[in-house]
N, C-alpha and C. Protein backbone atom coordinates (compact mmCIF):
# COMPACT_ATOMS: atom_id res chain seq x y z
N MET A 1 -20.69 -15.85 -109.84
CA MET A 1 -19.87 -14.77 -109.29
C MET A 1 -18.46 -15.27 -109.01
N LYS A 2 -18.38 -16.53 -108.65
CA LYS A 2 -17.07 -17.11 -108.35
C LYS A 2 -16.18 -17.09 -109.61
N THR A 3 -16.77 -17.36 -110.76
CA THR A 3 -15.98 -17.33 -112.00
C THR A 3 -15.52 -15.93 -112.33
N PHE A 4 -16.33 -14.92 -111.96
CA PHE A 4 -15.93 -13.53 -112.22
C PHE A 4 -14.64 -13.20 -111.49
N TRP A 5 -14.54 -13.55 -110.22
CA TRP A 5 -13.33 -13.24 -109.45
C TRP A 5 -12.14 -14.04 -109.95
N LYS A 6 -12.39 -15.28 -110.39
CA LYS A 6 -11.30 -16.06 -110.97
C LYS A 6 -10.81 -15.41 -112.27
N SER A 7 -11.76 -14.94 -113.08
CA SER A 7 -11.40 -14.27 -114.32
C SER A 7 -10.62 -12.98 -114.06
N CYS A 8 -11.05 -12.23 -113.05
CA CYS A 8 -10.32 -11.00 -112.70
C CYS A 8 -8.90 -11.31 -112.24
N GLY A 9 -8.75 -12.34 -111.43
CA GLY A 9 -7.42 -12.74 -110.98
C GLY A 9 -6.55 -13.19 -112.13
N LEU A 10 -7.14 -13.93 -113.05
CA LEU A 10 -6.41 -14.39 -114.23
C LEU A 10 -6.01 -13.21 -115.11
N CYS A 11 -6.91 -12.26 -115.26
CA CYS A 11 -6.63 -11.06 -116.07
C CYS A 11 -5.50 -10.24 -115.44
N LEU A 12 -5.57 -10.01 -114.15
CA LEU A 12 -4.53 -9.21 -113.48
C LEU A 12 -3.19 -9.93 -113.46
N SER A 13 -3.20 -11.25 -113.33
CA SER A 13 -1.94 -11.99 -113.39
C SER A 13 -1.35 -11.93 -114.79
N ALA A 14 -2.20 -11.96 -115.82
CA ALA A 14 -1.70 -11.82 -117.20
C ALA A 14 -1.12 -10.43 -117.42
N VAL A 15 -1.75 -9.41 -116.84
CA VAL A 15 -1.22 -8.03 -116.94
C VAL A 15 0.16 -7.97 -116.29
N LEU A 16 0.30 -8.58 -115.11
CA LEU A 16 1.59 -8.56 -114.40
C LEU A 16 2.66 -9.31 -115.19
N ILE A 17 2.34 -10.47 -115.70
CA ILE A 17 3.30 -11.25 -116.50
C ILE A 17 3.69 -10.48 -117.75
N SER A 18 2.69 -9.87 -118.39
CA SER A 18 2.96 -9.08 -119.59
C SER A 18 3.86 -7.89 -119.25
N GLU A 19 3.58 -7.26 -118.13
CA GLU A 19 4.38 -6.12 -117.69
C GLU A 19 5.86 -6.54 -117.53
N LEU A 20 6.09 -7.63 -116.87
CA LEU A 20 7.47 -8.11 -116.65
C LEU A 20 8.14 -8.51 -117.96
N LEU A 21 7.41 -9.27 -118.79
CA LEU A 21 7.96 -9.72 -120.06
C LEU A 21 8.31 -8.53 -120.97
N CYS A 22 7.42 -7.58 -121.05
CA CYS A 22 7.64 -6.41 -121.91
C CYS A 22 8.76 -5.52 -121.37
N LEU A 23 8.91 -5.46 -120.06
CA LEU A 23 10.02 -4.70 -119.49
C LEU A 23 11.35 -5.34 -119.87
N ILE A 24 11.43 -6.65 -119.76
CA ILE A 24 12.65 -7.37 -120.16
C ILE A 24 12.91 -7.16 -121.64
N LEU A 25 11.87 -7.25 -122.43
CA LEU A 25 11.98 -7.06 -123.87
C LEU A 25 12.46 -5.65 -124.21
N ALA A 26 11.90 -4.64 -123.55
CA ALA A 26 12.29 -3.25 -123.80
C ALA A 26 13.74 -3.01 -123.43
N PHE A 27 14.16 -3.53 -122.27
CA PHE A 27 15.56 -3.36 -121.86
C PHE A 27 16.51 -4.12 -122.78
N SER A 28 16.08 -5.28 -123.27
CA SER A 28 16.92 -6.05 -124.21
C SER A 28 17.13 -5.26 -125.49
N PHE A 29 16.08 -4.67 -126.02
CA PHE A 29 16.21 -3.87 -127.22
C PHE A 29 17.03 -2.61 -126.96
N ALA A 30 16.91 -2.03 -125.77
CA ALA A 30 17.67 -0.81 -125.44
C ALA A 30 19.16 -1.11 -125.33
N ILE A 31 19.50 -2.30 -124.86
CA ILE A 31 20.91 -2.67 -124.74
C ILE A 31 21.55 -2.82 -126.11
N ILE A 32 20.80 -3.41 -127.04
CA ILE A 32 21.35 -3.65 -128.38
C ILE A 32 21.71 -2.34 -129.04
N ARG A 33 20.72 -1.47 -129.17
CA ARG A 33 20.95 -0.16 -129.76
C ARG A 33 19.65 0.61 -129.73
N ASN A 34 19.74 1.90 -129.74
CA ASN A 34 18.56 2.73 -129.63
C ASN A 34 18.28 3.48 -130.93
N SER A 35 18.19 2.75 -132.04
CA SER A 35 17.91 3.39 -133.32
C SER A 35 16.39 3.44 -133.54
N GLY A 36 15.99 4.23 -134.52
CA GLY A 36 14.57 4.43 -134.80
C GLY A 36 13.86 3.16 -135.21
N TRP A 37 14.44 2.40 -136.13
CA TRP A 37 13.76 1.19 -136.58
C TRP A 37 13.72 0.14 -135.49
N LEU A 38 14.71 0.13 -134.62
CA LEU A 38 14.71 -0.83 -133.51
C LEU A 38 13.63 -0.48 -132.48
N GLN A 39 13.36 0.81 -132.33
CA GLN A 39 12.25 1.22 -131.45
C GLN A 39 10.91 0.74 -132.00
N ILE A 40 10.75 0.81 -133.31
CA ILE A 40 9.52 0.33 -133.94
C ILE A 40 9.37 -1.17 -133.78
N VAL A 41 10.47 -1.90 -133.96
CA VAL A 41 10.44 -3.36 -133.77
C VAL A 41 10.13 -3.69 -132.32
N SER A 42 10.72 -2.96 -131.40
CA SER A 42 10.47 -3.16 -129.97
C SER A 42 9.01 -2.86 -129.64
N LEU A 43 8.47 -1.80 -130.22
CA LEU A 43 7.07 -1.45 -130.00
C LEU A 43 6.15 -2.57 -130.49
N ILE A 44 6.38 -3.05 -131.70
CA ILE A 44 5.55 -4.11 -132.26
C ILE A 44 5.65 -5.39 -131.42
N CYS A 45 6.86 -5.76 -131.04
CA CYS A 45 7.07 -6.98 -130.24
C CYS A 45 6.40 -6.86 -128.87
N GLY A 46 6.56 -5.73 -128.22
CA GLY A 46 5.97 -5.53 -126.90
C GLY A 46 4.45 -5.55 -126.90
N VAL A 47 3.86 -4.81 -127.84
CA VAL A 47 2.40 -4.76 -127.91
C VAL A 47 1.84 -6.11 -128.35
N LEU A 48 2.49 -6.76 -129.30
CA LEU A 48 2.03 -8.07 -129.75
C LEU A 48 2.11 -9.11 -128.64
N ALA A 49 3.20 -9.10 -127.87
CA ALA A 49 3.33 -10.03 -126.74
C ALA A 49 2.22 -9.78 -125.72
N HIS A 50 1.94 -8.52 -125.47
CA HIS A 50 0.88 -8.15 -124.52
C HIS A 50 -0.49 -8.63 -125.01
N ILE A 51 -0.79 -8.40 -126.27
CA ILE A 51 -2.06 -8.82 -126.85
C ILE A 51 -2.21 -10.33 -126.77
N LEU A 52 -1.16 -11.05 -127.13
CA LEU A 52 -1.22 -12.52 -127.10
C LEU A 52 -1.38 -13.07 -125.69
N LEU A 53 -0.68 -12.48 -124.73
CA LEU A 53 -0.83 -12.92 -123.34
C LEU A 53 -2.24 -12.67 -122.81
N MET A 54 -2.76 -11.50 -123.10
CA MET A 54 -4.12 -11.17 -122.64
C MET A 54 -5.16 -12.05 -123.33
N GLY A 55 -5.00 -12.29 -124.61
CA GLY A 55 -5.93 -13.15 -125.34
C GLY A 55 -5.88 -14.59 -124.84
N SER A 56 -4.69 -15.07 -124.53
CA SER A 56 -4.53 -16.43 -124.02
C SER A 56 -5.16 -16.57 -122.65
N ALA A 57 -4.95 -15.60 -121.79
CA ALA A 57 -5.57 -15.65 -120.44
C ALA A 57 -7.09 -15.57 -120.56
N ALA A 58 -7.58 -14.75 -121.46
CA ALA A 58 -9.02 -14.64 -121.66
C ALA A 58 -9.59 -15.95 -122.18
N GLN A 59 -8.85 -16.62 -123.02
CA GLN A 59 -9.30 -17.90 -123.53
C GLN A 59 -9.42 -18.94 -122.41
N LYS A 60 -8.48 -18.92 -121.49
CA LYS A 60 -8.55 -19.83 -120.34
C LYS A 60 -9.78 -19.52 -119.48
N ALA A 61 -10.07 -18.25 -119.27
CA ALA A 61 -11.26 -17.88 -118.49
C ALA A 61 -12.53 -18.30 -119.22
N ALA A 62 -12.56 -18.11 -120.52
CA ALA A 62 -13.73 -18.49 -121.32
C ALA A 62 -13.91 -20.00 -121.31
N GLN A 63 -12.81 -20.72 -121.32
CA GLN A 63 -12.87 -22.18 -121.27
C GLN A 63 -13.53 -22.64 -119.97
N ALA A 64 -13.15 -22.04 -118.87
CA ALA A 64 -13.75 -22.40 -117.58
C ALA A 64 -15.24 -22.04 -117.55
N ASP A 65 -15.59 -20.88 -118.12
CA ASP A 65 -16.99 -20.48 -118.15
C ASP A 65 -17.81 -21.37 -119.08
N ALA A 66 -17.23 -21.78 -120.20
CA ALA A 66 -17.93 -22.67 -121.13
C ALA A 66 -18.13 -24.05 -120.50
N LEU A 67 -17.17 -24.49 -119.72
CA LEU A 67 -17.30 -25.78 -119.03
C LEU A 67 -18.45 -25.70 -118.02
N LEU A 68 -18.54 -24.60 -117.32
CA LEU A 68 -19.64 -24.38 -116.38
C LEU A 68 -20.98 -24.38 -117.12
N TYR A 69 -21.01 -23.80 -118.30
CA TYR A 69 -22.23 -23.76 -119.10
C TYR A 69 -22.61 -25.17 -119.54
N ARG A 70 -21.63 -25.95 -119.98
CA ARG A 70 -21.91 -27.32 -120.41
C ARG A 70 -22.41 -28.19 -119.28
N ARG A 71 -21.79 -28.06 -118.12
CA ARG A 71 -22.14 -28.92 -116.97
C ARG A 71 -23.45 -28.53 -116.31
N GLU A 72 -23.59 -27.22 -116.04
CA GLU A 72 -24.71 -26.78 -115.21
C GLU A 72 -25.72 -25.91 -115.95
N GLY A 73 -25.43 -25.56 -117.19
CA GLY A 73 -26.34 -24.72 -117.97
C GLY A 73 -26.36 -23.27 -117.54
N ILE A 74 -25.38 -22.85 -116.76
CA ILE A 74 -25.31 -21.45 -116.30
C ILE A 74 -24.60 -20.64 -117.37
N HIS A 75 -25.38 -19.76 -117.99
CA HIS A 75 -24.84 -18.91 -119.05
C HIS A 75 -24.19 -17.67 -118.42
N ILE A 76 -23.00 -17.33 -118.83
CA ILE A 76 -22.28 -16.16 -118.33
C ILE A 76 -22.88 -14.91 -118.96
N HIS A 77 -23.22 -13.95 -118.13
CA HIS A 77 -23.81 -12.69 -118.62
C HIS A 77 -22.76 -11.92 -119.42
N THR A 78 -23.18 -11.19 -120.41
CA THR A 78 -22.29 -10.44 -121.30
C THR A 78 -21.49 -9.39 -120.56
N VAL A 79 -22.00 -8.90 -119.45
CA VAL A 79 -21.32 -7.85 -118.70
C VAL A 79 -20.05 -8.37 -118.02
N GLN A 80 -20.01 -9.65 -117.67
CA GLN A 80 -18.87 -10.20 -116.92
C GLN A 80 -17.55 -10.03 -117.66
N PRO A 81 -17.43 -10.42 -118.95
CA PRO A 81 -16.13 -10.20 -119.62
C PRO A 81 -15.80 -8.71 -119.76
N VAL A 82 -16.80 -7.87 -119.91
CA VAL A 82 -16.54 -6.43 -120.02
C VAL A 82 -15.98 -5.89 -118.71
N LEU A 83 -16.59 -6.30 -117.60
CA LEU A 83 -16.09 -5.87 -116.29
C LEU A 83 -14.68 -6.40 -116.04
N THR A 84 -14.43 -7.64 -116.45
CA THR A 84 -13.08 -8.20 -116.29
C THR A 84 -12.08 -7.42 -117.12
N ALA A 85 -12.45 -7.03 -118.33
CA ALA A 85 -11.56 -6.21 -119.18
C ALA A 85 -11.29 -4.86 -118.51
N LEU A 86 -12.30 -4.28 -117.88
CA LEU A 86 -12.09 -3.02 -117.16
C LEU A 86 -11.16 -3.19 -115.98
N VAL A 87 -11.24 -4.34 -115.31
CA VAL A 87 -10.32 -4.63 -114.20
C VAL A 87 -8.89 -4.72 -114.75
N GLY A 88 -8.72 -5.28 -115.95
CA GLY A 88 -7.40 -5.36 -116.58
C GLY A 88 -6.82 -4.00 -116.93
N ILE A 89 -7.69 -3.07 -117.25
CA ILE A 89 -7.26 -1.71 -117.61
C ILE A 89 -6.96 -0.88 -116.37
N LEU A 90 -7.56 -1.25 -115.25
CA LEU A 90 -7.48 -0.47 -114.02
C LEU A 90 -6.06 -0.10 -113.58
N PRO A 91 -5.09 -1.05 -113.53
CA PRO A 91 -3.75 -0.64 -113.09
C PRO A 91 -3.13 0.46 -113.95
N PHE A 92 -3.30 0.35 -115.27
CA PHE A 92 -2.76 1.37 -116.16
C PHE A 92 -3.46 2.71 -115.96
N SER A 93 -4.77 2.66 -115.72
CA SER A 93 -5.55 3.89 -115.52
C SER A 93 -5.16 4.59 -114.23
N VAL A 94 -4.93 3.82 -113.19
CA VAL A 94 -4.51 4.40 -111.91
C VAL A 94 -3.17 5.09 -112.05
N ILE A 95 -2.26 4.47 -112.77
CA ILE A 95 -0.95 5.08 -112.99
C ILE A 95 -1.08 6.39 -113.76
N TYR A 96 -1.93 6.39 -114.78
CA TYR A 96 -2.15 7.61 -115.55
C TYR A 96 -2.79 8.70 -114.70
N LEU A 97 -3.76 8.33 -113.88
CA LEU A 97 -4.40 9.32 -113.00
C LEU A 97 -3.40 9.91 -112.01
N LEU A 98 -2.51 9.07 -111.49
CA LEU A 98 -1.47 9.58 -110.59
C LEU A 98 -0.57 10.57 -111.31
N LEU A 99 -0.27 10.29 -112.56
CA LEU A 99 0.54 11.21 -113.36
C LEU A 99 -0.20 12.53 -113.58
N CYS A 100 -1.50 12.45 -113.83
CA CYS A 100 -2.30 13.66 -114.02
C CYS A 100 -2.43 14.48 -112.74
N MET A 101 -2.43 13.78 -111.59
CA MET A 101 -2.52 14.49 -110.31
C MET A 101 -1.20 15.17 -109.94
N LYS A 102 -0.10 14.66 -110.44
CA LYS A 102 1.22 15.24 -110.18
C LYS A 102 1.87 15.66 -111.50
N PRO A 103 1.29 16.63 -112.21
CA PRO A 103 1.79 16.99 -113.55
C PRO A 103 3.17 17.65 -113.54
N GLN A 104 3.61 18.15 -112.40
CA GLN A 104 4.92 18.79 -112.33
C GLN A 104 6.03 17.83 -111.95
N SER A 105 5.67 16.59 -111.63
CA SER A 105 6.64 15.60 -111.16
C SER A 105 7.40 14.98 -112.33
N ILE A 106 8.69 15.25 -112.38
CA ILE A 106 9.53 14.67 -113.42
C ILE A 106 9.78 13.19 -113.11
N VAL A 107 9.85 12.84 -111.84
CA VAL A 107 10.04 11.44 -111.43
C VAL A 107 8.86 10.60 -111.91
N MET A 108 7.63 11.09 -111.69
CA MET A 108 6.45 10.35 -112.09
C MET A 108 6.39 10.20 -113.61
N LEU A 109 6.80 11.24 -114.34
CA LEU A 109 6.79 11.18 -115.78
C LEU A 109 7.79 10.14 -116.30
N ASN A 110 8.93 10.01 -115.63
CA ASN A 110 9.92 9.01 -116.03
C ASN A 110 9.53 7.61 -115.57
N LEU A 111 8.79 7.52 -114.49
CA LEU A 111 8.34 6.22 -113.98
C LEU A 111 7.15 5.69 -114.77
N PHE A 112 6.33 6.59 -115.29
CA PHE A 112 5.11 6.23 -116.01
C PHE A 112 5.34 5.21 -117.14
N PRO A 113 6.27 5.44 -118.07
CA PRO A 113 6.47 4.45 -119.13
C PRO A 113 6.94 3.10 -118.60
N LEU A 114 7.74 3.09 -117.54
CA LEU A 114 8.22 1.82 -116.99
C LEU A 114 7.09 1.00 -116.37
N LEU A 115 6.09 1.69 -115.81
CA LEU A 115 4.97 0.99 -115.19
C LEU A 115 3.90 0.63 -116.23
N GLN A 116 4.14 0.97 -117.46
CA GLN A 116 3.27 0.58 -118.57
C GLN A 116 4.15 0.00 -119.67
N SER A 117 4.93 -0.99 -119.31
CA SER A 117 5.97 -1.49 -120.21
C SER A 117 5.47 -2.05 -121.54
N PRO A 118 4.26 -2.61 -121.67
CA PRO A 118 3.87 -3.03 -123.03
C PRO A 118 3.82 -1.85 -124.01
N PHE A 119 3.63 -0.66 -123.48
CA PHE A 119 3.49 0.53 -124.33
C PHE A 119 4.63 1.51 -124.13
N ILE A 120 5.75 1.03 -123.64
CA ILE A 120 6.87 1.91 -123.29
C ILE A 120 7.39 2.70 -124.49
N GLN A 121 7.44 2.06 -125.65
CA GLN A 121 7.97 2.76 -126.83
C GLN A 121 6.99 3.84 -127.31
N ILE A 122 5.69 3.59 -127.18
CA ILE A 122 4.70 4.60 -127.55
C ILE A 122 4.89 5.84 -126.66
N HIS A 123 5.04 5.59 -125.37
CA HIS A 123 5.19 6.69 -124.43
C HIS A 123 6.52 7.43 -124.65
N ARG A 124 7.56 6.69 -124.96
CA ARG A 124 8.84 7.36 -125.23
C ARG A 124 8.74 8.27 -126.44
N LEU A 125 8.01 7.83 -127.46
CA LEU A 125 7.81 8.67 -128.64
C LEU A 125 6.95 9.90 -128.33
N LEU A 126 5.94 9.72 -127.49
CA LEU A 126 5.03 10.83 -127.17
C LEU A 126 5.67 11.83 -126.21
N ILE A 127 6.46 11.34 -125.27
CA ILE A 127 7.10 12.23 -124.30
C ILE A 127 8.27 12.95 -124.96
N ALA A 128 9.12 12.19 -125.63
CA ALA A 128 10.24 12.73 -126.43
C ALA A 128 10.98 13.89 -125.77
N GLY A 129 11.45 13.71 -124.54
CA GLY A 129 12.26 14.69 -123.86
C GLY A 129 11.49 15.87 -123.28
N THR A 130 10.17 15.85 -123.38
CA THR A 130 9.36 16.93 -122.81
C THR A 130 9.13 16.65 -121.34
N GLU A 131 9.57 17.56 -120.50
CA GLU A 131 9.36 17.40 -119.05
C GLU A 131 8.90 18.73 -118.50
N PRO A 132 8.10 18.77 -117.56
CA PRO A 132 7.31 17.77 -116.90
C PRO A 132 6.05 17.44 -117.72
N PHE A 133 5.15 16.66 -117.14
CA PHE A 133 3.93 16.22 -117.81
C PHE A 133 3.07 17.42 -118.22
N ALA A 134 3.08 18.46 -117.43
CA ALA A 134 2.28 19.65 -117.73
C ALA A 134 2.72 20.30 -119.04
N ALA A 135 3.97 20.07 -119.47
CA ALA A 135 4.49 20.69 -120.70
C ALA A 135 4.12 19.89 -121.95
N ILE A 136 3.60 18.69 -121.79
CA ILE A 136 3.21 17.87 -122.94
C ILE A 136 1.90 18.40 -123.51
N PRO A 137 1.80 18.54 -124.83
CA PRO A 137 0.56 19.03 -125.43
C PRO A 137 -0.64 18.13 -125.12
N SER A 138 -1.81 18.73 -125.06
CA SER A 138 -3.04 18.02 -124.67
C SER A 138 -3.34 16.82 -125.57
N GLY A 139 -3.11 16.95 -126.86
CA GLY A 139 -3.34 15.84 -127.79
C GLY A 139 -2.50 14.61 -127.45
N ARG A 140 -1.25 14.85 -127.10
CA ARG A 140 -0.37 13.74 -126.72
C ARG A 140 -0.82 13.12 -125.40
N LYS A 141 -1.30 13.95 -124.49
CA LYS A 141 -1.79 13.41 -123.20
C LYS A 141 -2.97 12.47 -123.43
N ILE A 142 -3.86 12.85 -124.33
CA ILE A 142 -5.00 11.99 -124.63
C ILE A 142 -4.54 10.69 -125.27
N ILE A 143 -3.60 10.78 -126.19
CA ILE A 143 -3.07 9.58 -126.84
C ILE A 143 -2.37 8.68 -125.82
N MET A 144 -1.72 9.26 -124.82
CA MET A 144 -1.04 8.47 -123.78
C MET A 144 -2.03 7.68 -122.94
N ALA A 145 -3.26 8.14 -122.87
CA ALA A 145 -4.28 7.43 -122.08
C ALA A 145 -4.90 6.28 -122.84
N LEU A 146 -4.75 6.22 -124.15
CA LEU A 146 -5.45 5.23 -124.98
C LEU A 146 -4.82 3.84 -125.06
N PRO A 147 -3.50 3.66 -125.04
CA PRO A 147 -2.95 2.31 -125.21
C PRO A 147 -3.50 1.23 -124.26
N PRO A 148 -3.82 1.54 -123.00
CA PRO A 148 -4.37 0.49 -122.16
C PRO A 148 -5.69 -0.09 -122.66
N LEU A 149 -6.37 0.63 -123.55
CA LEU A 149 -7.58 0.06 -124.13
C LEU A 149 -7.28 -1.21 -124.92
N ILE A 150 -6.05 -1.32 -125.41
CA ILE A 150 -5.63 -2.53 -126.11
C ILE A 150 -5.75 -3.73 -125.18
N THR A 151 -5.45 -3.53 -123.91
CA THR A 151 -5.56 -4.61 -122.92
C THR A 151 -7.01 -5.10 -122.85
N GLY A 152 -7.93 -4.19 -122.68
CA GLY A 152 -9.34 -4.57 -122.56
C GLY A 152 -9.87 -5.18 -123.84
N ILE A 153 -9.52 -4.61 -124.98
CA ILE A 153 -10.01 -5.14 -126.25
C ILE A 153 -9.48 -6.52 -126.51
N SER A 154 -8.19 -6.75 -126.24
CA SER A 154 -7.64 -8.10 -126.48
C SER A 154 -8.25 -9.12 -125.52
N TRP A 155 -8.57 -8.70 -124.29
CA TRP A 155 -9.26 -9.61 -123.37
C TRP A 155 -10.64 -9.97 -123.92
N LEU A 156 -11.39 -8.96 -124.33
CA LEU A 156 -12.75 -9.21 -124.83
C LEU A 156 -12.75 -10.08 -126.09
N ILE A 157 -11.87 -9.80 -127.02
CA ILE A 157 -11.81 -10.60 -128.25
C ILE A 157 -11.42 -12.02 -127.94
N GLY A 158 -10.38 -12.21 -127.11
CA GLY A 158 -9.96 -13.56 -126.75
C GLY A 158 -11.04 -14.34 -126.04
N TYR A 159 -11.76 -13.67 -125.15
CA TYR A 159 -12.82 -14.32 -124.41
C TYR A 159 -14.00 -14.68 -125.31
N GLN A 160 -14.47 -13.70 -126.07
CA GLN A 160 -15.65 -13.91 -126.89
C GLN A 160 -15.42 -14.94 -127.98
N MET A 161 -14.26 -14.92 -128.59
CA MET A 161 -13.97 -15.90 -129.65
C MET A 161 -14.10 -17.33 -129.12
N HIS A 162 -13.61 -17.55 -127.95
CA HIS A 162 -13.64 -18.90 -127.40
C HIS A 162 -14.99 -19.25 -126.78
N TYR A 163 -15.55 -18.35 -126.01
CA TYR A 163 -16.80 -18.66 -125.30
C TYR A 163 -17.98 -18.86 -126.23
N ILE A 164 -18.12 -18.01 -127.23
CA ILE A 164 -19.25 -18.13 -128.16
C ILE A 164 -19.18 -19.46 -128.90
N ARG A 165 -17.99 -19.83 -129.34
CA ARG A 165 -17.84 -21.11 -130.04
C ARG A 165 -18.14 -22.28 -129.11
N ALA A 166 -17.61 -22.24 -127.90
CA ALA A 166 -17.81 -23.35 -126.96
C ALA A 166 -19.28 -23.45 -126.53
N ALA A 167 -19.95 -22.32 -126.35
CA ALA A 167 -21.37 -22.35 -125.98
C ALA A 167 -22.21 -22.89 -127.13
N ALA A 168 -21.87 -22.52 -128.36
CA ALA A 168 -22.59 -23.02 -129.52
C ALA A 168 -22.41 -24.53 -129.68
N GLU A 169 -21.19 -25.02 -129.42
CA GLU A 169 -20.94 -26.45 -129.47
C GLU A 169 -21.73 -27.19 -128.39
N ALA A 170 -21.81 -26.59 -127.21
CA ALA A 170 -22.57 -27.20 -126.13
C ALA A 170 -24.06 -27.24 -126.47
N ASP A 171 -24.57 -26.17 -127.06
CA ASP A 171 -25.98 -26.13 -127.46
C ASP A 171 -26.26 -27.14 -128.56
N ALA A 172 -25.33 -27.27 -129.50
CA ALA A 172 -25.50 -28.24 -130.58
C ALA A 172 -25.48 -29.68 -130.03
N GLY A 173 -24.63 -29.90 -129.04
CA GLY A 173 -24.56 -31.22 -128.40
C GLY A 173 -25.84 -31.55 -127.66
N LYS A 174 -26.46 -30.53 -127.03
CA LYS A 174 -27.70 -30.74 -126.29
C LYS A 174 -28.86 -31.06 -127.25
N THR A 175 -28.93 -30.34 -128.38
CA THR A 175 -30.02 -30.59 -129.30
C THR A 175 -29.84 -31.92 -130.02
N ALA A 176 -28.60 -32.32 -130.27
CA ALA A 176 -28.35 -33.60 -130.91
C ALA A 176 -28.71 -34.75 -129.97
N SER A 177 -28.46 -34.59 -128.69
CA SER A 177 -28.76 -35.67 -127.74
C SER A 177 -30.27 -35.79 -127.47
N HIS A 178 -31.01 -34.69 -127.66
CA HIS A 178 -32.46 -34.72 -127.45
C HIS A 178 -33.20 -35.24 -128.67
N ALA A 179 -32.55 -35.23 -129.84
CA ALA A 179 -33.21 -35.65 -131.08
C ALA A 179 -33.21 -37.12 -131.29
């Protein structure tokens, strides 16, 4: 259980670092120029940076869990990385729920992309001058809720890639030493 809380803390700190990095990146691209192709480049850079940060943090958590498995034989349950990924999605989901609760708020609609900076360009394209949130078509609202899933998926992939390999190496080491 102790590793679960450490993993959650690592995941949330990676989300915060990603948020700050992507905000700086988005403002840097906005200062240069606000053309269409530059928005696409900014979108790719922001999402890619977010995915890499989440995957790297997940790898560190998996490394700690694999070390625990090697030393003490305690296998991490499959649910733990899934719950940690859900914790990583939680801040984005709360922000979206607040936006849904205040659909007439123009301030919340303008604040929403800033508080989800890895996906700021996606939201700018989906909002595209439509105010307030209640005026945005339902299909776009659903699409606006989906980008945070990238956070959870990148956490799970980063974690599983490292943990499965490390656990298999530990198992192979155990069988080789017993033979």
